[in-house]
Amino acid sequence: MVGQGDARGDGVAARNDHLASRPTEIDTMSLLHDKSTLRGIVPPLVTPLAERERLDGEGLGRLLEHVIRGGVAGVFILGTTGEAPSLSYRLRREMIAETLRIVGGRVPVLVGVTDTAFVESVELAKFAAEAGADAAVLTTPYYFPVGQTELLAYVQNITPLIPLPLLLYNMPGMTKVSFAIETLRRLTELPSIVGIKDSGGDLDYFGRLCELKSLRPDWTVLIGPEEFLGEAHCLGGDGGVHGGANVAPRLFVDYHRALVEGDVDGAESARERIRHLGEIYAIGKYASRHIKATKSALSLLGICSDLPADPFHRFFEPERQRVAQVLERIGLR
């Protein structure tokens, strides 16, 4: 999804293995303030809503302060966890403007610009660039499945029109189409494309993405499903875009740091707590439970509203209580 998934334990030995590894007009290195490849934890931010067409501005401010204090490497807005396809274009623009105003350059801001209409993606990217965003994020067009030849041409045609570094986003569970490795190999030739976030959940595929860094050493390769952060690190990944980092940013940042530093005990401890946090994604009976659970947890922590975008409903009290129990069990509440 979503950069989230139900966390799973893989055994102590497997966990410890993760610690053993390891010319364009656009300023493609503006993605990070220190001009290097983006590495670390980048939460795919939820979009706090007060009403159907009204942003929870105070909640957005609290959420951004929460994740920035947690040490994240950047924030990604208007992705799947951000419910972008369900938001009006006006609300998306407000989310961009408010996020950039609040962040004030403290961390990079990545903006999802995916749309079924080519022109709308371009216009949103232009708005994001004017507002001061650091990068745009683009997945495959959804609703009508596209072939790889069409997908290659689509990205080649849209990239020159997007005035920002571009991070690709592989999300076949939602878009019905995955970026083929050969397609991506061709896209490494475009200097303004700076990497890819993969939420497909196939570690063999993710490993092949990391191999593309032999062609583009500056590329960022980020994993979506949070239960795979350790494996992704072992394969050469640069970090993760995890929905759970909305709720517990410091926990994910500490886990990634422990992986990088080879801190076996620290990584094991953080991974176990993340596995328990992942229990909230099993609450509820609809596929939308990932977003509902994340927003419910944030509401219980007093950070922002738990109202999801239409057509979804927020969790009812029994589900909220189950989320609260998970948060209490891992010491977040």
C-alpha atoms as a PDB file:
ATOM      1  CA  MET A   1       0.000   0.000   0.000  1.00  0.00           C
ATOM      2  CA  VAL A   2       0.789   2.524   1.550  1.00  0.00           C
ATOM      3  CA  GLY A   3       4.190   2.027   2.594  1.00  0.00           C
ATOM      4  CA  GLN A   4       2.762  -0.114   5.310  1.00  0.00           C
ATOM      5  CA  GLY A   5       1.987  -3.696   5.928  1.00  0.00           C
ATOM      6  CA  ASP A   6       1.394  -6.173   8.631  1.00  0.00           C
ATOM      7  CA  ALA A   7       4.813  -6.566  10.232  1.00  0.00           C
ATOM      8  CA  ARG A   8       6.231 -10.059  10.423  1.00  0.00           C
ATOM      9  CA  GLY A   9       9.136 -11.521  12.365  1.00  0.00           C
ATOM     10  CA  ASP A  10      11.684 -13.528  10.417  1.00  0.00           C
ATOM     11  CA  GLY A  11      13.770 -15.044  13.176  1.00  0.00           C
ATOM     12  CA  VAL A  12      16.746 -13.667  15.042  1.00  0.00           C
ATOM     13  CA  ALA A  13      19.371 -15.014  12.651  1.00  0.00           C
ATOM     14  CA  ALA A  14      17.677 -13.520   9.605  1.00  0.00           C
ATOM     15  CA  ARG A  15      17.262 -10.208  11.377  1.00  0.00           C
ATOM     16  CA  ASN A  16      20.916 -10.075  12.321  1.00  0.00           C
ATOM     17  CA  ASP A  17      21.905 -10.752   8.712  1.00  0.00           C
ATOM     18  CA  HIS A  18      20.570  -7.323   7.800  1.00  0.00           C
ATOM     19  CA  LEU A  19      23.354  -5.767   9.818  1.00  0.00           C
ATOM     20  CA  ALA A  20      26.153  -7.517   7.966  1.00  0.00           C
ATOM     21  CA  SER A  21      25.522  -5.873   4.577  1.00  0.00           C
ATOM     22  CA  ARG A  22      26.069  -3.447   3.160  1.00  0.00           C
ATOM     23  CA  PRO A  23      23.654  17.391 -16.793  1.00  0.00           C
ATOM     24  CA  THR A  24      20.163  18.903 -16.551  1.00  0.00           C
ATOM     25  CA  GLU A  25      18.715  22.345 -15.810  1.00  0.00           C
ATOM     26  CA  ILE A  26      17.026  20.916 -12.729  1.00  0.00           C
ATOM     27  CA  ASP A  27      19.191  20.764  -9.632  1.00  0.00           C
ATOM     28  CA  THR A  28      18.765  17.033  -9.176  1.00  0.00           C
ATOM     29  CA  MET A  29      20.710  17.143  -5.932  1.00  0.00           C
ATOM     30  CA  SER A  30      18.373  19.685  -4.316  1.00  0.00           C
ATOM     31  CA  LEU A  31      16.468  16.769  -2.830  1.00  0.00           C
ATOM     32  CA  LEU A  32      18.646  16.940   0.263  1.00  0.00           C
ATOM     33  CA  HIS A  33      20.057  19.940   1.996  1.00  0.00           C
ATOM     34  CA  ASP A  34      23.534  18.404   2.089  1.00  0.00           C
ATOM     35  CA  LYS A  35      23.350  17.648  -1.651  1.00  0.00           C
ATOM     36  CA  SER A  36      23.641  13.894  -1.203  1.00  0.00           C
ATOM     37  CA  THR A  37      21.334  10.968  -1.878  1.00  0.00           C
ATOM     38  CA  LEU A  38      18.203  10.931   0.259  1.00  0.00           C
ATOM     39  CA  ARG A  39      18.638   8.300   2.965  1.00  0.00           C
ATOM     40  CA  GLY A  40      16.641   7.383   6.027  1.00  0.00           C
ATOM     41  CA  ILE A  41      12.985   7.420   7.007  1.00  0.00           C
ATOM     42  CA  VAL A  42      10.497   9.492   5.022  1.00  0.00           C
ATOM     43  CA  PRO A  43       6.940   9.202   6.378  1.00  0.00           C
ATOM     44  CA  PRO A  44       4.173   9.229   3.763  1.00  0.00           C
ATOM     45  CA  LEU A  45       2.158  11.824   5.620  1.00  0.00           C
ATOM     46  CA  VAL A  46      -1.547  11.375   6.249  1.00  0.00           C
ATOM     47  CA  THR A  47      -3.724  14.301   5.176  1.00  0.00           C
ATOM     48  CA  PRO A  48      -5.448  15.578   8.342  1.00  0.00           C
ATOM     49  CA  LEU A  49      -9.041  16.565   7.544  1.00  0.00           C
ATOM     50  CA  ALA A  50     -11.458  18.615   9.649  1.00  0.00           C
ATOM     51  CA  GLU A  51     -14.294  18.162   7.145  1.00  0.00           C
ATOM     52  CA  ARG A  52     -14.710  16.713   3.665  1.00  0.00           C
ATOM     53  CA  GLU A  53     -13.189  19.769   1.992  1.00  0.00           C
ATOM     54  CA  ARG A  54     -11.359  21.376   4.903  1.00  0.00           C
ATOM     55  CA  LEU A  55      -7.841  20.653   6.039  1.00  0.00           C
ATOM     56  CA  ASP A  56      -7.182  20.174   9.746  1.00  0.00           C
ATOM     57  CA  GLY A  57      -4.512  22.853   9.700  1.00  0.00           C
ATOM     58  CA  GLU A  58      -3.666  22.724  13.388  1.00  0.00           C
ATOM     59  CA  GLY A  59      -3.434  18.948  13.230  1.00  0.00           C
ATOM     60  CA  LEU A  60      -1.158  19.168  10.197  1.00  0.00           C
ATOM     61  CA  GLY A  61       1.120  21.487  12.138  1.00  0.00           C
ATOM     62  CA  ARG A  62       1.274  19.123  15.106  1.00  0.00           C
ATOM     63  CA  LEU A  63       1.890  16.149  12.828  1.00  0.00           C
ATOM     64  CA  LEU A  64       4.749  17.835  10.995  1.00  0.00           C
ATOM     65  CA  GLU A  65       6.387  18.915  14.251  1.00  0.00           C
ATOM     66  CA  HIS A  66       5.939  15.363  15.569  1.00  0.00           C
ATOM     67  CA  VAL A  67       7.737  13.705  12.654  1.00  0.00           C
ATOM     68  CA  ILE A  68      10.435  16.364  12.331  1.00  0.00           C
ATOM     69  CA  ARG A  69      11.234  16.075  16.042  1.00  0.00           C
ATOM     70  CA  GLY A  70      11.369  12.333  15.457  1.00  0.00           C
ATOM     71  CA  GLY A  71      14.377  12.800  13.178  1.00  0.00           C
ATOM     72  CA  VAL A  72      12.890  11.911   9.782  1.00  0.00           C
ATOM     73  CA  ALA A  73      14.925  12.524   6.631  1.00  0.00           C
ATOM     74  CA  GLY A  74      12.013  14.194   4.841  1.00  0.00           C
ATOM     75  CA  VAL A  75       8.245  14.045   4.387  1.00  0.00           C
ATOM     76  CA  PHE A  76       6.210  12.728   1.464  1.00  0.00           C
ATOM     77  CA  ILE A  77       2.756  14.252   1.028  1.00  0.00           C
ATOM     78  CA  LEU A  78      -0.121  13.303  -1.274  1.00  0.00           C
ATOM     79  CA  GLY A  79       0.790   9.663  -1.631  1.00  0.00           C
ATOM     80  CA  THR A  80      -1.376   6.637  -0.925  1.00  0.00           C
ATOM     81  CA  THR A  81      -1.344   7.135   2.839  1.00  0.00           C
ATOM     82  CA  GLY A  82      -2.142  10.780   2.116  1.00  0.00           C
ATOM     83  CA  GLU A  83      -5.292   9.686   0.229  1.00  0.00           C
ATOM     84  CA  ALA A  84      -4.353  11.923  -2.701  1.00  0.00           C
ATOM     85  CA  PRO A  85      -6.695  10.348  -5.290  1.00  0.00           C
ATOM     86  CA  SER A  86      -9.656  11.108  -2.988  1.00  0.00           C
ATOM     87  CA  LEU A  87      -8.792  14.785  -2.493  1.00  0.00           C
ATOM     88  CA  SER A  88      -9.938  17.708  -4.610  1.00  0.00           C
ATOM     89  CA  TYR A  89      -7.288  19.581  -6.569  1.00  0.00           C
ATOM     90  CA  ARG A  90      -7.951  22.632  -4.391  1.00  0.00           C
ATOM     91  CA  LEU A  91      -7.331  20.634  -1.220  1.00  0.00           C
ATOM     92  CA  ARG A  92      -4.171  19.086  -2.660  1.00  0.00           C
ATOM     93  CA  ARG A  93      -2.794  22.536  -3.383  1.00  0.00           C
ATOM     94  CA  GLU A  94      -3.677  23.712   0.107  1.00  0.00           C
ATOM     95  CA  MET A  95      -1.919  20.670   1.574  1.00  0.00           C
ATOM     96  CA  ILE A  96       1.200  21.480  -0.454  1.00  0.00           C
ATOM     97  CA  ALA A  97       1.244  25.152   0.485  1.00  0.00           C
ATOM     98  CA  GLU A  98       0.571  24.585   4.186  1.00  0.00           C
ATOM     99  CA  THR A  99       3.104  21.774   4.487  1.00  0.00           C
ATOM    100  CA  LEU A 100       5.862  23.831   2.912  1.00  0.00           C
ATOM    101  CA  ARG A 101       4.980  26.863   5.037  1.00  0.00           C
ATOM    102  CA  ILE A 102       5.117  24.848   8.262  1.00  0.00           C
ATOM    103  CA  VAL A 103       8.231  22.846   7.379  1.00  0.00           C
ATOM    104  CA  GLY A 104      10.081  26.007   6.421  1.00  0.00           C
ATOM    105  CA  GLY A 105      12.994  24.198   4.801  1.00  0.00           C
ATOM    106  CA  ARG A 106      13.871  22.074   7.835  1.00  0.00           C
ATOM    107  CA  VAL A 107      13.556  18.787   5.912  1.00  0.00           C
ATOM    108  CA  PRO A 108      12.975  17.957   2.238  1.00  0.00           C
ATOM    109  CA  VAL A 109       9.329  17.836   1.150  1.00  0.00           C
ATOM    110  CA  LEU A 110       8.382  15.353  -1.574  1.00  0.00           C
ATOM    111  CA  VAL A 111       5.014  15.874  -3.273  1.00  0.00           C
ATOM    112  CA  GLY A 112       2.936  13.201  -4.981  1.00  0.00           C
ATOM    113  CA  VAL A 113       1.721  14.400  -8.380  1.00  0.00           C
ATOM    114  CA  THR A 114       0.200  11.200  -9.760  1.00  0.00           C
ATOM    115  CA  ASP A 115      -3.070  11.633 -11.629  1.00  0.00           C
ATOM    116  CA  THR A 116      -5.036   9.891 -14.340  1.00  0.00           C
ATOM    117  CA  ALA A 117      -4.655  13.045 -16.454  1.00  0.00           C
ATOM    118  CA  PHE A 118      -1.193  13.903 -17.775  1.00  0.00           C
ATOM    119  CA  VAL A 119      -1.839  17.657 -17.654  1.00  0.00           C
ATOM    120  CA  GLU A 120      -3.047  17.586 -14.038  1.00  0.00           C
ATOM    121  CA  SER A 121       0.173  15.889 -12.926  1.00  0.00           C
ATOM    122  CA  VAL A 122       2.211  18.573 -14.671  1.00  0.00           C
ATOM    123  CA  GLU A 123       0.156  21.420 -13.214  1.00  0.00           C
ATOM    124  CA  LEU A 124       0.383  20.035  -9.685  1.00  0.00           C
ATOM    125  CA  ALA A 125       4.153  19.606 -10.051  1.00  0.00           C
ATOM    126  CA  LYS A 126       4.476  23.211 -11.216  1.00  0.00           C
ATOM    127  CA  PHE A 127       2.463  24.398  -8.216  1.00  0.00           C
ATOM    128  CA  ALA A 128       4.632  22.320  -5.885  1.00  0.00           C
ATOM    129  CA  ALA A 129       7.811  23.733  -7.417  1.00  0.00           C
ATOM    130  CA  GLU A 130       6.579  27.305  -7.036  1.00  0.00           C
ATOM    131  CA  ALA A 131       5.666  26.579  -3.409  1.00  0.00           C
ATOM    132  CA  GLY A 132       9.215  25.364  -2.718  1.00  0.00           C
ATOM    133  CA  ALA A 133       8.947  21.567  -2.831  1.00  0.00           C
ATOM    134  CA  ASP A 134      12.162  19.558  -3.097  1.00  0.00           C
ATOM    135  CA  ALA A 135      10.936  16.760  -5.374  1.00  0.00           C
ATOM    136  CA  ALA A 136       7.886  15.335  -7.106  1.00  0.00           C
ATOM    137  CA  VAL A 137       6.804  11.706  -6.771  1.00  0.00           C
ATOM    138  CA  LEU A 138       5.108   9.925  -9.669  1.00  0.00           C
ATOM    139  CA  THR A 139       3.648   6.461 -10.003  1.00  0.00           C
ATOM    140  CA  THR A 140       2.092   4.833 -13.057  1.00  0.00           C
ATOM    141  CA  PRO A 141      -1.241   6.246 -14.245  1.00  0.00           C
ATOM    142  CA  TYR A 142      -4.058   4.226 -12.719  1.00  0.00           C
ATOM    143  CA  TYR A 143      -7.549   3.064 -13.777  1.00  0.00           C
ATOM    144  CA  PHE A 144      -6.542   2.151 -17.352  1.00  0.00           C
ATOM    145  CA  PRO A 145      -3.639  -0.343 -17.196  1.00  0.00           C
ATOM    146  CA  VAL A 146      -0.747   0.690 -19.438  1.00  0.00           C
ATOM    147  CA  GLY A 147       1.856  -1.389 -21.240  1.00  0.00           C
ATOM    148  CA  GLN A 148       5.578  -0.924 -20.662  1.00  0.00           C
ATOM    149  CA  THR A 149       6.149   0.819 -24.010  1.00  0.00           C
ATOM    150  CA  GLU A 150       3.386   3.285 -23.160  1.00  0.00           C
ATOM    151  CA  LEU A 151       4.678   3.698 -19.617  1.00  0.00           C
ATOM    152  CA  LEU A 152       8.200   4.431 -20.813  1.00  0.00           C
ATOM    153  CA  ALA A 153       6.930   7.051 -23.258  1.00  0.00           C
ATOM    154  CA  TYR A 154       4.671   8.553 -20.582  1.00  0.00           C
ATOM    155  CA  VAL A 155       7.548   9.133 -18.168  1.00  0.00           C
ATOM    156  CA  GLN A 156       9.884  10.317 -20.929  1.00  0.00           C
ATOM    157  CA  ASN A 157       7.259  12.831 -22.064  1.00  0.00           C
ATOM    158  CA  ILE A 158       6.242  14.117 -18.647  1.00  0.00           C
ATOM    159  CA  THR A 159       9.691  14.408 -17.070  1.00  0.00           C
ATOM    160  CA  PRO A 160      10.848  17.481 -19.063  1.00  0.00           C
ATOM    161  CA  LEU A 161       7.657  19.287 -18.028  1.00  0.00           C
ATOM    162  CA  ILE A 162       8.090  18.699 -14.287  1.00  0.00           C
ATOM    163  CA  PRO A 163      10.349  21.425 -12.842  1.00  0.00           C
ATOM    164  CA  LEU A 164      11.533  19.291  -9.935  1.00  0.00           C
ATOM    165  CA  PRO A 165      13.694  16.228  -9.339  1.00  0.00           C
ATOM    166  CA  LEU A 166      11.413  13.224  -9.827  1.00  0.00           C
ATOM    167  CA  LEU A 167      11.177  10.139  -7.623  1.00  0.00           C
ATOM    168  CA  LEU A 168       9.315   7.257  -9.254  1.00  0.00           C
ATOM    169  CA  TYR A 169       6.851   5.235  -7.181  1.00  0.00           C
ATOM    170  CA  ASN A 170       6.143   1.565  -7.855  1.00  0.00           C
ATOM    171  CA  MET A 171       2.711   0.706  -6.424  1.00  0.00           C
ATOM    172  CA  PRO A 172       1.225  -2.154  -8.462  1.00  0.00           C
ATOM    173  CA  GLY A 173      -1.301  -3.035  -5.763  1.00  0.00           C
ATOM    174  CA  MET A 174      -3.124   0.221  -6.471  1.00  0.00           C
ATOM    175  CA  THR A 175      -2.186   1.056 -10.060  1.00  0.00           C
ATOM    176  CA  LYS A 176      -2.354  -2.461 -11.605  1.00  0.00           C
ATOM    177  CA  VAL A 177       1.029  -1.884 -13.284  1.00  0.00           C
ATOM    178  CA  SER A 178       4.615  -2.288 -12.106  1.00  0.00           C
ATOM    179  CA  PHE A 179       7.644  -0.558 -13.572  1.00  0.00           C
ATOM    180  CA  ALA A 180       9.536  -3.314 -15.390  1.00  0.00           C
ATOM    181  CA  ILE A 181      13.255  -3.368 -14.626  1.00  0.00           C
ATOM    182  CA  GLU A 182      14.105  -2.811 -18.282  1.00  0.00           C
ATOM    183  CA  THR A 183      11.797   0.220 -18.347  1.00  0.00           C
ATOM    184  CA  LEU A 184      13.598   1.613 -15.316  1.00  0.00           C
ATOM    185  CA  ARG A 185      16.953   0.863 -16.902  1.00  0.00           C
ATOM    186  CA  ARG A 186      15.937   3.139 -19.771  1.00  0.00           C
ATOM    187  CA  LEU A 187      14.685   5.774 -17.344  1.00  0.00           C
ATOM    188  CA  THR A 188      18.049   5.947 -15.566  1.00  0.00           C
ATOM    189  CA  GLU A 189      19.141   7.885 -18.657  1.00  0.00           C
ATOM    190  CA  LEU A 190      16.981  10.826 -17.539  1.00  0.00           C
ATOM    191  CA  PRO A 191      19.089  12.851 -15.084  1.00  0.00           C
ATOM    192  CA  SER A 192      16.141  14.532 -13.369  1.00  0.00           C
ATOM    193  CA  ILE A 193      14.817  11.146 -12.191  1.00  0.00           C
ATOM    194  CA  VAL A 194      16.568  10.648  -8.856  1.00  0.00           C
ATOM    195  CA  GLY A 195      15.325   7.243  -7.720  1.00  0.00           C
ATOM    196  CA  ILE A 196      12.331   5.100  -6.854  1.00  0.00           C
ATOM    197  CA  LYS A 197      10.122   4.132  -3.947  1.00  0.00           C
ATOM    198  CA  ASP A 198       8.927   0.519  -4.172  1.00  0.00           C
ATOM    199  CA  SER A 199       5.762  -0.641  -2.419  1.00  0.00           C
ATOM    200  CA  GLY A 200       5.327  -3.854  -4.392  1.00  0.00           C
ATOM    201  CA  GLY A 201       6.480  -6.126  -1.564  1.00  0.00           C
ATOM    202  CA  ASP A 202       8.690  -8.307  -3.808  1.00  0.00           C
ATOM    203  CA  LEU A 203      12.200  -8.370  -2.353  1.00  0.00           C
ATOM    204  CA  ASP A 204      13.723  -9.985  -5.450  1.00  0.00           C
ATOM    205  CA  TYR A 205      12.412  -7.053  -7.468  1.00  0.00           C
ATOM    206  CA  PHE A 206      13.696  -4.611  -4.854  1.00  0.00           C
ATOM    207  CA  GLY A 207      17.147  -6.158  -5.077  1.00  0.00           C
ATOM    208  CA  ARG A 208      17.131  -5.597  -8.827  1.00  0.00           C
ATOM    209  CA  LEU A 209      16.167  -1.972  -8.233  1.00  0.00           C
ATOM    210  CA  CYS A 210      19.233  -1.582  -6.042  1.00  0.00           C
ATOM    211  CA  GLU A 211      21.381  -3.017  -8.833  1.00  0.00           C
ATOM    212  CA  LEU A 212      20.333  -0.071 -11.008  1.00  0.00           C
ATOM    213  CA  LYS A 213      22.547   2.084  -8.817  1.00  0.00           C
ATOM    214  CA  SER A 214      25.468   0.693 -10.808  1.00  0.00           C
ATOM    215  CA  LEU A 215      24.089   2.860 -13.629  1.00  0.00           C
ATOM    216  CA  ARG A 216      23.051   5.748 -11.384  1.00  0.00           C
ATOM    217  CA  PRO A 217      25.046   5.816  -8.129  1.00  0.00           C
ATOM    218  CA  ASP A 218      23.129   8.945  -7.116  1.00  0.00           C
ATOM    219  CA  TRP A 219      19.763   7.148  -7.172  1.00  0.00           C
ATOM    220  CA  THR A 220      17.720   6.766  -4.009  1.00  0.00           C
ATOM    221  CA  VAL A 221      15.968   3.390  -3.621  1.00  0.00           C
ATOM    222  CA  LEU A 222      13.403   3.331  -0.810  1.00  0.00           C
ATOM    223  CA  ILE A 223      11.195   0.493   0.465  1.00  0.00           C
ATOM    224  CA  GLY A 224       7.499   0.933   1.228  1.00  0.00           C
ATOM    225  CA  PRO A 225       6.327  -2.053   3.336  1.00  0.00           C
ATOM    226  CA  GLU A 226       7.705  -1.356   6.783  1.00  0.00           C
ATOM    227  CA  GLU A 227       8.185  -4.999   7.707  1.00  0.00           C
ATOM    228  CA  PHE A 228      10.882  -5.198   4.999  1.00  0.00           C
ATOM    229  CA  LEU A 229      13.108  -2.311   6.089  1.00  0.00           C
ATOM    230  CA  GLY A 230      15.780  -4.663   7.427  1.00  0.00           C
ATOM    231  CA  GLU A 231      15.822  -6.831   4.307  1.00  0.00           C
ATOM    232  CA  ALA A 232      15.849  -3.738   2.100  1.00  0.00           C
ATOM    233  CA  HIS A 233      18.891  -2.411   3.942  1.00  0.00           C
ATOM    234  CA  CYS A 234      20.662  -5.720   3.389  1.00  0.00           C
ATOM    235  CA  LEU A 235      19.932  -5.490  -0.344  1.00  0.00           C
ATOM    236  CA  GLY A 236      21.358  -1.987  -0.620  1.00  0.00           C
ATOM    237  CA  GLY A 237      18.289   0.168  -0.018  1.00  0.00           C
ATOM    238  CA  ASP A 238      18.603   3.709   1.266  1.00  0.00           C
ATOM    239  CA  GLY A 239      15.720   3.770   3.728  1.00  0.00           C
ATOM    240  CA  GLY A 240      11.974   3.533   3.922  1.00  0.00           C
ATOM    241  CA  VAL A 241       8.717   5.375   3.308  1.00  0.00           C
ATOM    242  CA  HIS A 242       6.621   3.903   6.105  1.00  0.00           C
ATOM    243  CA  GLY A 243       3.101   4.807   7.178  1.00  0.00           C
ATOM    244  CA  GLY A 244       3.882   3.818  10.750  1.00  0.00           C
ATOM    245  CA  ALA A 245       6.434   6.629  10.898  1.00  0.00           C
ATOM    246  CA  ASN A 246       3.502   9.047  11.121  1.00  0.00           C
ATOM    247  CA  VAL A 247       2.728   7.499  14.496  1.00  0.00           C
ATOM    248  CA  ALA A 248       6.188   6.580  15.806  1.00  0.00           C
ATOM    249  CA  PRO A 249       8.803   8.441  13.754  1.00  0.00           C
ATOM    250  CA  ARG A 250      11.585   8.076  16.315  1.00  0.00           C
ATOM    251  CA  LEU A 251      11.076   4.307  16.462  1.00  0.00           C
ATOM    252  CA  PHE A 252      11.602   3.933  12.707  1.00  0.00           C
ATOM    253  CA  VAL A 253      14.499   6.393  12.673  1.00  0.00           C
ATOM    254  CA  ASP A 254      16.186   4.480  15.498  1.00  0.00           C
ATOM    255  CA  TYR A 255      15.660   1.182  13.669  1.00  0.00           C
ATOM    256  CA  HIS A 256      17.217   2.488  10.479  1.00  0.00           C
ATOM    257  CA  ARG A 257      20.119   4.036  12.371  1.00  0.00           C
ATOM    258  CA  ALA A 258      20.757   0.751  14.179  1.00  0.00           C
ATOM    259  CA  LEU A 259      20.813  -1.077  10.837  1.00  0.00           C
ATOM    260  CA  VAL A 260      23.295   1.394   9.378  1.00  0.00           C
ATOM    261  CA  GLU A 261      25.525   1.322  12.459  1.00  0.00           C
ATOM    262  CA  GLY A 262      25.415  -2.466  12.864  1.00  0.00           C
ATOM    263  CA  ASP A 263      23.760  -2.247  16.284  1.00  0.00           C
ATOM    264  CA  VAL A 264      22.274  -5.756  16.474  1.00  0.00           C
ATOM    265  CA  ASP A 265      20.533  -5.344  19.823  1.00  0.00           C
ATOM    266  CA  GLY A 266      19.148  -1.921  18.968  1.00  0.00           C
ATOM    267  CA  ALA A 267      17.838  -3.117  15.617  1.00  0.00           C
ATOM    268  CA  GLU A 268      16.236  -6.198  17.163  1.00  0.00           C
ATOM    269  CA  SER A 269      14.510  -4.141  19.853  1.00  0.00           C
ATOM    270  CA  ALA A 270      13.163  -1.570  17.391  1.00  0.00           C
ATOM    271  CA  ARG A 271      12.064  -4.217  14.912  1.00  0.00           C
ATOM    272  CA  GLU A 272      10.070  -6.024  17.583  1.00  0.00           C
ATOM    273  CA  ARG A 273       8.242  -2.846  18.586  1.00  0.00           C
ATOM    274  CA  ILE A 274       7.516  -2.083  14.924  1.00  0.00           C
ATOM    275  CA  ARG A 275       6.140  -5.591  14.518  1.00  0.00           C
ATOM    276  CA  HIS A 276       3.720  -4.939  17.384  1.00  0.00           C
ATOM    277  CA  LEU A 277       2.769  -1.528  16.005  1.00  0.00           C
ATOM    278  CA  GLY A 278       1.863  -3.294  12.767  1.00  0.00           C
ATOM    279  CA  GLU A 279      -0.959  -5.053  14.620  1.00  0.00           C
ATOM    280  CA  ILE A 280      -3.098  -1.935  14.164  1.00  0.00           C
ATOM    281  CA  TYR A 281      -3.245  -2.622  10.419  1.00  0.00           C
ATOM    282  CA  ALA A 282      -5.163  -5.846  11.057  1.00  0.00           C
ATOM    283  CA  ILE A 283      -7.944  -3.993  12.881  1.00  0.00           C
ATOM    284  CA  GLY A 284     -11.095  -3.540  10.832  1.00  0.00           C
ATOM    285  CA  LYS A 285     -12.363  -5.571   7.911  1.00  0.00           C
ATOM    286  CA  TYR A 286     -11.815  -3.359   4.858  1.00  0.00           C
ATOM    287  CA  ALA A 287      -8.675  -2.684   2.830  1.00  0.00           C
ATOM    288  CA  SER A 288      -8.937   0.941   3.945  1.00  0.00           C
ATOM    289  CA  ARG A 289      -8.031  -0.168   7.473  1.00  0.00           C
ATOM    290  CA  HIS A 290      -4.377   0.817   6.965  1.00  0.00           C
ATOM    291  CA  ILE A 291      -5.257   4.483   6.575  1.00  0.00           C
ATOM    292  CA  LYS A 292      -8.024   4.338   9.179  1.00  0.00           C
ATOM    293  CA  ALA A 293      -5.735   2.716  11.743  1.00  0.00           C
ATOM    294  CA  THR A 294      -2.960   5.243  11.167  1.00  0.00           C
ATOM    295  CA  LYS A 295      -5.312   8.190  11.502  1.00  0.00           C
ATOM    296  CA  SER A 296      -6.976   6.610  14.525  1.00  0.00           C
ATOM    297  CA  ALA A 297      -3.601   6.215  16.241  1.00  0.00           C
ATOM    298  CA  LEU A 298      -2.714   9.841  15.529  1.00  0.00           C
ATOM    299  CA  SER A 299      -6.061  10.960  16.928  1.00  0.00           C
ATOM    300  CA  LEU A 300      -5.530   8.907  20.083  1.00  0.00           C
ATOM    301  CA  LEU A 301      -2.133  10.580  20.490  1.00  0.00           C
ATOM    302  CA  GLY A 302      -3.796  13.991  20.258  1.00  0.00           C
ATOM    303  CA  ILE A 303      -2.030  14.911  17.033  1.00  0.00           C
ATOM    304  CA  CYS A 304      -4.716  15.268  14.366  1.00  0.00           C
ATOM    305  CA  SER A 305      -8.221  14.325  13.303  1.00  0.00           C
ATOM    306  CA  ASP A 306      -8.972  10.726  12.366  1.00  0.00           C
ATOM    307  CA  LEU A 307     -11.424  11.689   9.603  1.00  0.00           C
ATOM    308  CA  PRO A 308     -10.572   9.865   6.353  1.00  0.00           C
ATOM    309  CA  ALA A 309     -11.479  11.126   2.910  1.00  0.00           C
ATOM    310  CA  ASP A 310     -14.724   9.943   1.344  1.00  0.00           C
ATOM    311  CA  PRO A 311     -15.897   7.268   0.812  1.00  0.00           C
ATOM    312  CA  PHE A 312     -14.270   5.884   3.955  1.00  0.00           C
ATOM    313  CA  HIS A 313     -15.543   6.082   7.526  1.00  0.00           C
ATOM    314  CA  ARG A 314     -13.380   6.583  10.593  1.00  0.00           C
ATOM    315  CA  PHE A 315     -13.015   3.674  13.012  1.00  0.00           C
ATOM    316  CA  PHE A 316     -15.851   3.161  15.471  1.00  0.00           C
ATOM    317  CA  GLU A 317     -15.153   3.070  19.196  1.00  0.00           C
ATOM    318  CA  PRO A 318     -14.440  -0.696  19.459  1.00  0.00           C
ATOM    319  CA  GLU A 319     -11.752  -0.418  16.764  1.00  0.00           C
ATOM    320  CA  ARG A 320     -10.324   2.733  18.355  1.00  0.00           C
ATOM    321  CA  GLN A 321     -10.011   0.909  21.659  1.00  0.00           C
ATOM    322  CA  ARG A 322      -8.081  -1.892  19.989  1.00  0.00           C
ATOM    323  CA  VAL A 323      -5.714   0.651  18.428  1.00  0.00           C
ATOM    324  CA  ALA A 324      -5.282   2.285  21.839  1.00  0.00           C
ATOM    325  CA  GLN A 325      -4.379  -1.067  23.379  1.00  0.00           C
ATOM    326  CA  VAL A 326      -1.624  -1.605  20.807  1.00  0.00           C
ATOM    327  CA  LEU A 327      -0.212   1.868  21.426  1.00  0.00           C
ATOM    328  CA  GLU A 328      -0.220   1.281  25.176  1.00  0.00           C
ATOM    329  CA  ARG A 329       1.419  -2.118  24.805  1.00  0.00           C
ATOM    330  CA  ILE A 330       4.437  -0.653  23.017  1.00  0.00           C
ATOM    331  CA  GLY A 331       4.685   2.419  25.224  1.00  0.00           C
ATOM    332  CA  LEU A 332       3.429   5.061  22.813  1.00  0.00           C
ATOM    333  CA  ARG A 333       0.478   6.109  24.972  1.00  0.00           C
END
